[in-house]
Structure formats: structure tokens, C-alpha cells
Amino acid sequence: MAGKTSTDGTHPRSRPEYIPNHIPDPSYVRILDTTLRDGEQSPGAAMTSDQKLGIARQLVKLGVDIIDAGFPSASQEDFNAQEVGNDCDADGYVPVIAALCRCNEKDITTAWEAVRYAKKPRLIPFIATSSIHMEYKLNKTKEEVLQIAIDMVKFTRSLGCDDIEFGVEDAARMTAVG
């Protein structure tokens, strides 16, 4: 079970307090599940809003630390998936509810509206960073992409989001920026 670990295999240990960008217990592994977003990437694998909510509830039962609820700008079902991020269990556990968004104000605002009422909301703004994507997809220089990233993280914070997981698209082909 995520969140319950054992140092010697004989007794469970409770999960450490959730602090964005910090795990107070160095032996704790935080589990992030992307089923609700990545689970639909295969042809024919679309899920209804009720199916996504059912999966999210099961992830909560498993004790998953962070649930990537999806890409709210792309789907109203993803916009509604944050519902499970409000009910604490007897131990005070409630998962972080994360939403993916492109590095533009419209996507970030939509994603924030989708998760902002969860007890522990997180946004995952991302931008393409490989040379081929910067040149042919974004038509931007490295410097422009870096500035967009900085500006959009600042914008995300200005909305009131204090848990940001910045993402890079096509990072395997990325060259140094800056």
C-alpha cells in the first residue's frame, strides 16, 4: 500500500506530512499515478467521467500519494476528476490532485479551475524543449522557451498555486537550455 511502508518488514509506518517539493522522510517513496491521463493514450481506451471517478476512488483506497487527474483543457471529464481530492480518511490522508497544462495562460487557468478546490492541488505546466520541437512545433528559440517557462511558472504561482511540477516535453532529445 502506498503511504504505508515498513523499515524492517514487521510494522507499518505512517506516511510523512505532505510538503510540496519536499519529502521529510528520505526513505519514503511518494507514488504518483498517471492512469487517468496516460490510460487513455491507447486507441480505444477512452473512459467516461464515471469510469475515471471510479478509478480515482480506487487509487485513493490504494493510498496513492498523487493522482494526475488529466489534461483539463482537453476534456471536461478531466476537468471534473478532482472530486476525490477532498475527503480525508481517518489518518488525515487525502491525495494530491494534479492537472497537466501547456505553458500558456488559458491552459494554466483552466487546469487551476479544475483542481483549485482539492485540499492539495498541483499543476503540471509543460513545454516542448527538444531542438526539433522548439524549432518546428513552437517556432521558438531556446531563450524564448526558457522565458515562457519562467513566465508561466510565475503566472501559475500568481493564481495561488504553490505546488508546481514543471514538465518538459520530448526531454530525451533536449539540449542544454541557457
N, C-alpha and C. Protein backbone atom coordinates (compact mmCIF):
# COMPACT_ATOMS: atom_id res chain seq x y z
N MET A 1 0.84 -1.18 0.00
CA MET A 1 0.00 0.00 0.00
C MET A 1 0.89 1.24 0.00
N ALA A 2 0.63 2.14 -0.94
CA ALA A 2 1.39 3.38 -0.97
C ALA A 2 1.11 4.13 0.32
N GLY A 3 2.12 4.78 0.83
CA GLY A 3 1.95 5.57 2.02
C GLY A 3 2.23 4.81 3.30
N LYS A 4 2.05 3.53 3.30
CA LYS A 4 2.36 2.71 4.47
C LYS A 4 3.58 1.88 4.11
N THR A 5 4.67 2.13 4.78
CA THR A 5 5.91 1.43 4.49
C THR A 5 6.41 0.76 5.75
N SER A 6 7.37 -0.08 5.59
CA SER A 6 7.94 -0.77 6.73
C SER A 6 9.44 -0.72 6.65
N THR A 7 10.07 -0.32 7.73
CA THR A 7 11.53 -0.22 7.72
C THR A 7 12.17 -1.59 7.93
N ASP A 8 11.51 -2.45 8.69
CA ASP A 8 12.08 -3.77 8.94
C ASP A 8 11.17 -4.90 8.50
N GLY A 9 10.08 -4.59 7.83
CA GLY A 9 9.18 -5.61 7.34
C GLY A 9 8.19 -6.11 8.37
N THR A 10 8.20 -5.58 9.60
CA THR A 10 7.32 -6.10 10.64
C THR A 10 6.23 -5.14 11.05
N HIS A 11 6.42 -3.85 10.91
CA HIS A 11 5.37 -2.94 11.31
C HIS A 11 5.26 -1.78 10.33
N PRO A 12 4.00 -1.37 10.07
CA PRO A 12 3.82 -0.26 9.12
C PRO A 12 4.21 1.07 9.75
N ARG A 13 4.57 1.99 8.90
CA ARG A 13 4.93 3.34 9.32
C ARG A 13 4.01 4.29 8.56
N SER A 14 3.54 5.32 9.22
CA SER A 14 2.64 6.24 8.54
C SER A 14 3.41 7.11 7.56
N ARG A 15 2.68 7.64 6.59
CA ARG A 15 3.30 8.49 5.57
C ARG A 15 3.72 9.82 6.20
N PRO A 16 4.80 10.41 5.70
CA PRO A 16 5.21 11.71 6.24
C PRO A 16 4.23 12.79 5.81
N GLU A 17 4.24 13.90 6.53
CA GLU A 17 3.42 15.04 6.18
C GLU A 17 3.73 15.46 4.74
N TYR A 18 2.69 15.82 3.98
CA TYR A 18 2.91 16.27 2.61
C TYR A 18 3.35 17.72 2.61
N ILE A 19 4.52 17.96 2.07
CA ILE A 19 5.06 19.30 1.89
C ILE A 19 5.46 19.38 0.42
N PRO A 20 4.88 20.29 -0.36
CA PRO A 20 5.25 20.37 -1.78
C PRO A 20 6.77 20.47 -1.96
N ASN A 21 7.28 19.70 -2.86
CA ASN A 21 8.69 19.70 -3.25
C ASN A 21 9.65 19.25 -2.15
N HIS A 22 9.14 18.55 -1.16
CA HIS A 22 10.00 18.08 -0.07
C HIS A 22 9.39 16.82 0.55
N ILE A 23 10.21 15.82 0.77
CA ILE A 23 9.79 14.62 1.48
C ILE A 23 10.63 14.55 2.75
N PRO A 24 10.01 14.80 3.91
CA PRO A 24 10.77 14.85 5.16
C PRO A 24 11.46 13.53 5.53
N ASP A 25 10.90 12.42 5.09
CA ASP A 25 11.48 11.11 5.39
C ASP A 25 12.23 10.62 4.14
N PRO A 26 13.57 10.58 4.17
CA PRO A 26 14.33 10.21 2.97
C PRO A 26 14.11 8.77 2.51
N SER A 27 13.52 7.93 3.32
CA SER A 27 13.28 6.55 2.89
C SER A 27 11.86 6.36 2.34
N TYR A 28 11.07 7.41 2.32
CA TYR A 28 9.70 7.32 1.81
C TYR A 28 9.70 7.54 0.30
N VAL A 29 8.94 6.74 -0.41
CA VAL A 29 8.79 6.88 -1.86
C VAL A 29 7.36 7.36 -2.11
N ARG A 30 7.25 8.54 -2.68
CA ARG A 30 5.93 9.10 -2.99
C ARG A 30 5.47 8.52 -4.33
N ILE A 31 4.23 8.04 -4.38
CA ILE A 31 3.69 7.41 -5.58
C ILE A 31 2.79 8.40 -6.33
N LEU A 32 3.10 8.62 -7.61
CA LEU A 32 2.29 9.44 -8.50
C LEU A 32 1.70 8.51 -9.54
N ASP A 33 0.38 8.52 -9.70
CA ASP A 33 -0.29 7.66 -10.67
C ASP A 33 -0.84 8.50 -11.81
N THR A 34 -0.55 8.09 -13.05
CA THR A 34 -0.99 8.84 -14.23
C THR A 34 -2.06 8.09 -15.03
N THR A 35 -2.69 7.08 -14.42
CA THR A 35 -3.68 6.27 -15.13
C THR A 35 -4.78 7.12 -15.76
N LEU A 36 -5.27 8.11 -15.05
CA LEU A 36 -6.39 8.90 -15.57
C LEU A 36 -6.00 9.73 -16.79
N ARG A 37 -4.72 10.06 -16.92
CA ARG A 37 -4.26 10.82 -18.09
C ARG A 37 -3.67 9.89 -19.13
N ASP A 38 -2.65 9.15 -18.76
CA ASP A 38 -1.96 8.29 -19.71
C ASP A 38 -2.76 7.05 -20.08
N GLY A 39 -3.71 6.66 -19.23
CA GLY A 39 -4.51 5.48 -19.51
C GLY A 39 -5.34 5.58 -20.76
N GLU A 40 -5.57 6.79 -21.22
CA GLU A 40 -6.38 6.99 -22.42
C GLU A 40 -5.54 7.22 -23.68
N GLN A 41 -4.26 7.07 -23.58
CA GLN A 41 -3.40 7.35 -24.73
C GLN A 41 -3.46 6.27 -25.80
N SER A 42 -3.90 5.09 -25.44
CA SER A 42 -4.01 3.98 -26.41
C SER A 42 -5.33 4.08 -27.16
N PRO A 43 -5.33 3.75 -28.44
CA PRO A 43 -6.58 3.78 -29.20
C PRO A 43 -7.63 2.87 -28.56
N GLY A 44 -8.85 3.38 -28.45
CA GLY A 44 -9.94 2.59 -27.88
C GLY A 44 -9.97 2.55 -26.37
N ALA A 45 -9.11 3.30 -25.71
CA ALA A 45 -9.02 3.25 -24.25
C ALA A 45 -9.71 4.42 -23.57
N ALA A 46 -10.63 5.07 -24.26
CA ALA A 46 -11.32 6.22 -23.68
C ALA A 46 -12.17 5.79 -22.48
N MET A 47 -12.22 6.67 -21.48
CA MET A 47 -13.02 6.38 -20.29
C MET A 47 -14.06 7.47 -20.11
N THR A 48 -15.20 7.08 -19.56
CA THR A 48 -16.23 8.07 -19.23
C THR A 48 -15.84 8.76 -17.94
N SER A 49 -16.54 9.85 -17.64
CA SER A 49 -16.29 10.57 -16.40
C SER A 49 -16.53 9.66 -15.19
N ASP A 50 -17.59 8.86 -15.23
CA ASP A 50 -17.88 7.93 -14.12
C ASP A 50 -16.78 6.89 -13.96
N GLN A 51 -16.25 6.38 -15.08
CA GLN A 51 -15.16 5.40 -15.01
C GLN A 51 -13.91 6.03 -14.40
N LYS A 52 -13.60 7.26 -14.81
CA LYS A 52 -12.43 7.95 -14.26
C LYS A 52 -12.60 8.18 -12.76
N LEU A 53 -13.78 8.58 -12.36
CA LEU A 53 -14.04 8.81 -10.94
C LEU A 53 -13.92 7.50 -10.16
N GLY A 54 -14.40 6.40 -10.73
CA GLY A 54 -14.26 5.09 -10.08
C GLY A 54 -12.81 4.69 -9.92
N ILE A 55 -12.01 4.91 -10.95
CA ILE A 55 -10.58 4.60 -10.87
C ILE A 55 -9.92 5.50 -9.83
N ALA A 56 -10.26 6.79 -9.84
CA ALA A 56 -9.68 7.71 -8.85
C ALA A 56 -10.00 7.25 -7.43
N ARG A 57 -11.22 6.81 -7.20
CA ARG A 57 -11.60 6.32 -5.87
C ARG A 57 -10.79 5.09 -5.48
N GLN A 58 -10.53 4.21 -6.45
CA GLN A 58 -9.70 3.03 -6.17
C GLN A 58 -8.26 3.44 -5.86
N LEU A 59 -7.76 4.44 -6.57
CA LEU A 59 -6.40 4.92 -6.30
C LEU A 59 -6.31 5.49 -4.88
N VAL A 60 -7.37 6.16 -4.44
CA VAL A 60 -7.41 6.68 -3.08
C VAL A 60 -7.37 5.52 -2.09
N LYS A 61 -8.16 4.46 -2.36
CA LYS A 61 -8.17 3.29 -1.48
C LYS A 61 -6.79 2.65 -1.40
N LEU A 62 -6.04 2.69 -2.51
CA LEU A 62 -4.68 2.14 -2.52
C LEU A 62 -3.70 3.03 -1.78
N GLY A 63 -4.08 4.27 -1.52
CA GLY A 63 -3.20 5.18 -0.81
C GLY A 63 -2.21 5.90 -1.69
N VAL A 64 -2.52 6.02 -3.00
CA VAL A 64 -1.64 6.72 -3.92
C VAL A 64 -1.48 8.16 -3.43
N ASP A 65 -0.25 8.65 -3.43
CA ASP A 65 0.03 10.00 -2.92
C ASP A 65 -0.46 11.11 -3.84
N ILE A 66 -0.24 10.93 -5.15
CA ILE A 66 -0.55 11.98 -6.13
C ILE A 66 -1.30 11.34 -7.29
N ILE A 67 -2.45 11.90 -7.62
CA ILE A 67 -3.24 11.42 -8.75
C ILE A 67 -3.20 12.49 -9.83
N ASP A 68 -2.63 12.13 -10.98
CA ASP A 68 -2.63 13.02 -12.13
C ASP A 68 -4.01 12.88 -12.77
N ALA A 69 -4.87 13.85 -12.53
CA ALA A 69 -6.27 13.77 -12.95
C ALA A 69 -6.46 13.97 -14.44
N GLY A 70 -5.45 14.41 -15.14
CA GLY A 70 -5.58 14.55 -16.58
C GLY A 70 -5.21 15.91 -17.10
N PHE A 71 -5.82 16.23 -18.24
CA PHE A 71 -5.50 17.42 -19.01
C PHE A 71 -6.79 18.22 -19.19
N PRO A 72 -7.17 19.03 -18.19
CA PRO A 72 -8.46 19.72 -18.20
C PRO A 72 -8.77 20.54 -19.45
N SER A 73 -7.76 21.09 -20.10
CA SER A 73 -8.02 21.89 -21.31
C SER A 73 -8.50 21.02 -22.46
N ALA A 74 -8.23 19.73 -22.39
CA ALA A 74 -8.59 18.83 -23.47
C ALA A 74 -9.92 18.12 -23.25
N SER A 75 -10.40 18.08 -22.00
CA SER A 75 -11.56 17.25 -21.73
C SER A 75 -12.31 17.71 -20.49
N GLN A 76 -13.64 17.83 -20.62
CA GLN A 76 -14.47 18.18 -19.46
C GLN A 76 -14.41 17.09 -18.41
N GLU A 77 -14.26 15.81 -18.83
CA GLU A 77 -14.14 14.72 -17.86
C GLU A 77 -12.90 14.91 -17.00
N ASP A 78 -11.81 15.35 -17.59
CA ASP A 78 -10.60 15.61 -16.82
C ASP A 78 -10.83 16.80 -15.88
N PHE A 79 -11.63 17.75 -16.33
CA PHE A 79 -11.92 18.92 -15.50
C PHE A 79 -12.66 18.52 -14.23
N ASN A 80 -13.47 17.46 -14.29
CA ASN A 80 -14.27 17.04 -13.14
C ASN A 80 -13.58 16.04 -12.23
N ALA A 81 -12.41 15.58 -12.56
CA ALA A 81 -11.78 14.46 -11.84
C ALA A 81 -11.24 14.82 -10.47
N GLN A 82 -11.20 16.08 -10.08
CA GLN A 82 -10.61 16.47 -8.80
C GLN A 82 -11.47 16.13 -7.59
N GLU A 83 -12.68 15.65 -7.81
CA GLU A 83 -13.64 15.38 -6.72
C GLU A 83 -13.05 14.55 -5.58
N VAL A 84 -12.19 13.58 -5.88
CA VAL A 84 -11.66 12.69 -4.84
C VAL A 84 -10.60 13.36 -3.97
N GLY A 85 -10.22 14.56 -4.27
CA GLY A 85 -9.16 15.23 -3.52
C GLY A 85 -9.65 16.04 -2.34
N ASN A 86 -10.81 15.70 -1.82
CA ASN A 86 -11.35 16.48 -0.71
C ASN A 86 -11.72 15.68 0.53
N ASP A 87 -11.83 14.38 0.43
CA ASP A 87 -12.24 13.57 1.57
C ASP A 87 -11.04 12.93 2.24
N CYS A 88 -10.76 13.35 3.47
CA CYS A 88 -9.66 12.79 4.25
C CYS A 88 -10.11 11.46 4.88
N ASP A 89 -9.19 10.51 4.97
CA ASP A 89 -9.50 9.28 5.69
C ASP A 89 -9.21 9.48 7.18
N ALA A 90 -9.35 8.43 7.96
CA ALA A 90 -9.17 8.52 9.42
C ALA A 90 -7.78 9.00 9.81
N ASP A 91 -6.78 8.73 8.99
CA ASP A 91 -5.41 9.15 9.27
C ASP A 91 -5.10 10.54 8.73
N GLY A 92 -6.09 11.20 8.11
CA GLY A 92 -5.86 12.53 7.55
C GLY A 92 -5.33 12.49 6.12
N TYR A 93 -5.25 11.29 5.53
CA TYR A 93 -4.74 11.15 4.17
C TYR A 93 -5.75 11.69 3.16
N VAL A 94 -5.27 12.46 2.26
CA VAL A 94 -6.01 12.88 1.08
C VAL A 94 -4.95 13.04 -0.01
N PRO A 95 -5.20 12.53 -1.23
CA PRO A 95 -4.17 12.62 -2.26
C PRO A 95 -4.01 14.03 -2.82
N VAL A 96 -2.83 14.28 -3.35
CA VAL A 96 -2.60 15.47 -4.17
C VAL A 96 -3.33 15.21 -5.49
N ILE A 97 -4.04 16.20 -5.99
CA ILE A 97 -4.70 16.09 -7.29
C ILE A 97 -3.97 17.03 -8.24
N ALA A 98 -3.38 16.44 -9.27
CA ALA A 98 -2.56 17.21 -10.22
C ALA A 98 -3.28 17.32 -11.56
N ALA A 99 -3.00 18.40 -12.26
CA ALA A 99 -3.56 18.61 -13.60
C ALA A 99 -2.46 19.09 -14.53
N LEU A 100 -2.40 18.49 -15.69
CA LEU A 100 -1.44 18.85 -16.72
C LEU A 100 -1.94 20.05 -17.51
N CYS A 101 -1.02 20.94 -17.90
CA CYS A 101 -1.40 22.10 -18.70
C CYS A 101 -0.21 22.57 -19.53
N ARG A 102 -0.51 23.00 -20.75
CA ARG A 102 0.54 23.59 -21.57
C ARG A 102 0.93 24.93 -20.98
N CYS A 103 2.10 25.40 -21.34
CA CYS A 103 2.61 26.68 -20.83
C CYS A 103 1.98 27.84 -21.57
N ASN A 104 0.69 28.04 -21.30
CA ASN A 104 0.01 29.25 -21.75
C ASN A 104 -1.06 29.58 -20.72
N GLU A 105 -1.40 30.85 -20.63
CA GLU A 105 -2.30 31.31 -19.56
C GLU A 105 -3.66 30.63 -19.59
N LYS A 106 -4.20 30.38 -20.79
CA LYS A 106 -5.52 29.76 -20.90
C LYS A 106 -5.51 28.35 -20.31
N ASP A 107 -4.55 27.53 -20.71
CA ASP A 107 -4.45 26.16 -20.20
C ASP A 107 -4.20 26.14 -18.69
N ILE A 108 -3.32 27.00 -18.24
CA ILE A 108 -2.99 27.04 -16.81
C ILE A 108 -4.21 27.46 -16.00
N THR A 109 -4.93 28.46 -16.47
CA THR A 109 -6.14 28.92 -15.78
C THR A 109 -7.19 27.81 -15.74
N THR A 110 -7.40 27.13 -16.85
CA THR A 110 -8.37 26.03 -16.90
C THR A 110 -7.98 24.92 -15.95
N ALA A 111 -6.71 24.55 -15.95
CA ALA A 111 -6.22 23.49 -15.05
C ALA A 111 -6.38 23.91 -13.59
N TRP A 112 -6.08 25.16 -13.28
CA TRP A 112 -6.22 25.64 -11.91
C TRP A 112 -7.69 25.58 -11.47
N GLU A 113 -8.59 25.98 -12.34
CA GLU A 113 -10.02 25.92 -12.01
C GLU A 113 -10.45 24.47 -11.76
N ALA A 114 -9.82 23.53 -12.43
CA ALA A 114 -10.17 22.11 -12.26
C ALA A 114 -9.73 21.55 -10.92
N VAL A 115 -8.60 22.01 -10.39
CA VAL A 115 -8.05 21.39 -9.17
C VAL A 115 -8.01 22.30 -7.95
N ARG A 116 -8.27 23.56 -8.10
CA ARG A 116 -8.05 24.53 -7.02
C ARG A 116 -8.83 24.23 -5.75
N TYR A 117 -9.95 23.52 -5.85
CA TYR A 117 -10.74 23.24 -4.66
C TYR A 117 -10.38 21.91 -4.01
N ALA A 118 -9.44 21.19 -4.57
CA ALA A 118 -8.92 19.99 -3.91
C ALA A 118 -8.12 20.46 -2.69
N LYS A 119 -8.04 19.64 -1.67
CA LYS A 119 -7.27 20.02 -0.48
C LYS A 119 -5.80 20.21 -0.80
N LYS A 120 -5.28 19.42 -1.74
CA LYS A 120 -3.86 19.51 -2.14
C LYS A 120 -3.77 19.57 -3.66
N PRO A 121 -3.98 20.76 -4.25
CA PRO A 121 -3.91 20.87 -5.71
C PRO A 121 -2.47 21.05 -6.21
N ARG A 122 -2.22 20.52 -7.38
CA ARG A 122 -0.91 20.69 -8.04
C ARG A 122 -1.15 20.92 -9.53
N LEU A 123 -0.37 21.82 -10.11
CA LEU A 123 -0.39 22.00 -11.56
C LEU A 123 0.92 21.50 -12.15
N ILE A 124 0.81 20.96 -13.37
CA ILE A 124 1.98 20.47 -14.09
C ILE A 124 2.05 21.19 -15.44
N PRO A 125 2.54 22.43 -15.44
CA PRO A 125 2.72 23.11 -16.72
C PRO A 125 3.91 22.48 -17.46
N PHE A 126 3.77 22.35 -18.77
CA PHE A 126 4.86 21.76 -19.54
C PHE A 126 5.05 22.50 -20.85
N ILE A 127 6.26 22.31 -21.41
CA ILE A 127 6.57 22.91 -22.70
C ILE A 127 7.59 22.01 -23.40
N ALA A 128 7.54 22.02 -24.72
CA ALA A 128 8.49 21.25 -25.52
C ALA A 128 9.88 21.88 -25.42
N THR A 129 10.89 21.04 -25.23
CA THR A 129 12.24 21.57 -25.03
C THR A 129 13.29 20.96 -25.95
N SER A 130 12.91 19.99 -26.77
CA SER A 130 13.91 19.47 -27.70
C SER A 130 14.09 20.47 -28.84
N SER A 131 15.26 20.44 -29.42
CA SER A 131 15.55 21.38 -30.52
C SER A 131 14.53 21.26 -31.64
N ILE A 132 14.18 20.02 -32.00
CA ILE A 132 13.24 19.81 -33.11
C ILE A 132 11.86 20.37 -32.76
N HIS A 133 11.40 20.19 -31.53
CA HIS A 133 10.09 20.72 -31.15
C HIS A 133 10.12 22.24 -31.01
N MET A 134 11.20 22.77 -30.45
CA MET A 134 11.27 24.23 -30.33
C MET A 134 11.24 24.88 -31.71
N GLU A 135 11.99 24.30 -32.64
CA GLU A 135 12.08 24.90 -33.98
C GLU A 135 10.81 24.69 -34.80
N TYR A 136 10.30 23.43 -34.85
CA TYR A 136 9.22 23.12 -35.79
C TYR A 136 7.82 23.12 -35.18
N LYS A 137 7.69 22.88 -33.88
CA LYS A 137 6.38 22.87 -33.24
C LYS A 137 6.05 24.24 -32.65
N LEU A 138 7.02 24.82 -31.95
CA LEU A 138 6.78 26.10 -31.28
C LEU A 138 7.26 27.31 -32.08
N ASN A 139 8.19 27.08 -33.00
CA ASN A 139 8.82 28.18 -33.73
C ASN A 139 9.44 29.19 -32.77
N LYS A 140 10.17 28.66 -31.78
CA LYS A 140 10.79 29.49 -30.75
C LYS A 140 12.25 29.11 -30.59
N THR A 141 13.02 30.07 -30.09
CA THR A 141 14.42 29.81 -29.75
C THR A 141 14.49 29.23 -28.34
N LYS A 142 15.66 28.72 -27.96
CA LYS A 142 15.86 28.23 -26.60
C LYS A 142 15.57 29.32 -25.58
N GLU A 143 16.05 30.50 -25.88
CA GLU A 143 15.87 31.63 -24.96
C GLU A 143 14.38 31.97 -24.81
N GLU A 144 13.66 31.94 -25.91
CA GLU A 144 12.22 32.23 -25.84
C GLU A 144 11.48 31.16 -25.03
N VAL A 145 11.83 29.90 -25.24
CA VAL A 145 11.19 28.81 -24.50
C VAL A 145 11.50 28.92 -23.01
N LEU A 146 12.74 29.23 -22.69
CA LEU A 146 13.12 29.41 -21.29
C LEU A 146 12.33 30.56 -20.67
N GLN A 147 12.19 31.66 -21.38
CA GLN A 147 11.44 32.79 -20.85
C GLN A 147 9.96 32.45 -20.67
N ILE A 148 9.39 31.72 -21.62
CA ILE A 148 7.99 31.28 -21.50
C ILE A 148 7.84 30.42 -20.25
N ALA A 149 8.76 29.49 -20.04
CA ALA A 149 8.71 28.61 -18.87
C ALA A 149 8.73 29.44 -17.58
N ILE A 150 9.65 30.37 -17.50
CA ILE A 150 9.76 31.22 -16.31
C ILE A 150 8.48 32.03 -16.11
N ASP A 151 8.00 32.65 -17.18
CA ASP A 151 6.80 33.48 -17.08
C ASP A 151 5.58 32.66 -16.69
N MET A 152 5.45 31.45 -17.21
CA MET A 152 4.27 30.64 -16.92
C MET A 152 4.31 30.03 -15.52
N VAL A 153 5.49 29.75 -15.00
CA VAL A 153 5.58 29.32 -13.60
C VAL A 153 5.20 30.48 -12.69
N LYS A 154 5.66 31.67 -13.01
CA LYS A 154 5.27 32.87 -12.24
C LYS A 154 3.75 33.08 -12.32
N PHE A 155 3.19 32.91 -13.51
CA PHE A 155 1.75 33.07 -13.68
C PHE A 155 1.00 32.03 -12.85
N THR A 156 1.48 30.79 -12.87
CA THR A 156 0.86 29.71 -12.09
C THR A 156 0.85 30.07 -10.61
N ARG A 157 1.95 30.55 -10.11
CA ARG A 157 2.04 30.99 -8.71
C ARG A 157 1.09 32.16 -8.43
N SER A 158 0.95 33.06 -9.39
CA SER A 158 0.10 34.24 -9.19
C SER A 158 -1.38 33.86 -9.01
N LEU A 159 -1.75 32.68 -9.49
CA LEU A 159 -3.13 32.21 -9.33
C LEU A 159 -3.39 31.67 -7.93
N GLY A 160 -2.30 31.43 -7.19
CA GLY A 160 -2.44 30.88 -5.85
C GLY A 160 -1.96 29.44 -5.73
N CYS A 161 -1.43 28.90 -6.79
CA CYS A 161 -0.93 27.52 -6.77
C CYS A 161 0.48 27.51 -6.20
N ASP A 162 0.67 26.77 -5.11
CA ASP A 162 2.01 26.71 -4.51
C ASP A 162 2.67 25.34 -4.68
N ASP A 163 2.01 24.45 -5.42
CA ASP A 163 2.58 23.13 -5.70
C ASP A 163 2.64 22.97 -7.22
N ILE A 164 3.82 23.19 -7.77
CA ILE A 164 4.01 23.18 -9.22
C ILE A 164 5.06 22.14 -9.56
N GLU A 165 4.72 21.27 -10.50
CA GLU A 165 5.66 20.27 -11.02
C GLU A 165 5.88 20.60 -12.49
N PHE A 166 6.96 21.29 -12.80
CA PHE A 166 7.20 21.70 -14.18
C PHE A 166 7.60 20.49 -15.01
N GLY A 167 7.07 20.41 -16.23
CA GLY A 167 7.38 19.28 -17.10
C GLY A 167 7.97 19.74 -18.42
N VAL A 168 8.82 18.89 -18.98
CA VAL A 168 9.38 19.16 -20.30
C VAL A 168 8.95 18.05 -21.25
N GLU A 169 8.49 18.46 -22.42
CA GLU A 169 8.07 17.51 -23.45
C GLU A 169 9.26 17.18 -24.34
N ASP A 170 9.40 15.91 -24.66
CA ASP A 170 10.47 15.42 -25.53
C ASP A 170 11.85 15.69 -24.93
N ALA A 171 11.96 15.52 -23.63
CA ALA A 171 13.20 15.82 -22.90
C ALA A 171 14.37 14.92 -23.32
N ALA A 172 14.08 13.73 -23.79
CA ALA A 172 15.17 12.81 -24.16
C ALA A 172 16.03 13.39 -25.29
N ARG A 173 15.44 14.25 -26.10
CA ARG A 173 16.20 14.87 -27.20
C ARG A 173 16.58 16.30 -26.89
N MET A 174 16.43 16.70 -25.64
CA MET A 174 16.71 18.08 -25.25
C MET A 174 18.22 18.35 -25.18
N THR A 175 18.59 19.53 -25.61
CA THR A 175 19.96 20.00 -25.42
C THR A 175 19.91 21.07 -24.33
N ALA A 176 21.02 21.37 -23.77
CA ALA A 176 21.07 22.34 -22.67
C ALA A 176 20.41 23.65 -23.05
N VAL A 177 19.59 24.17 -22.13
CA VAL A 177 18.92 25.46 -22.34
C VAL A 177 19.60 26.48 -21.45
N GLY A 178 19.94 27.59 -22.01
CA GLY A 178 20.51 28.67 -21.20
C GLY A 178 21.97 28.75 -21.22
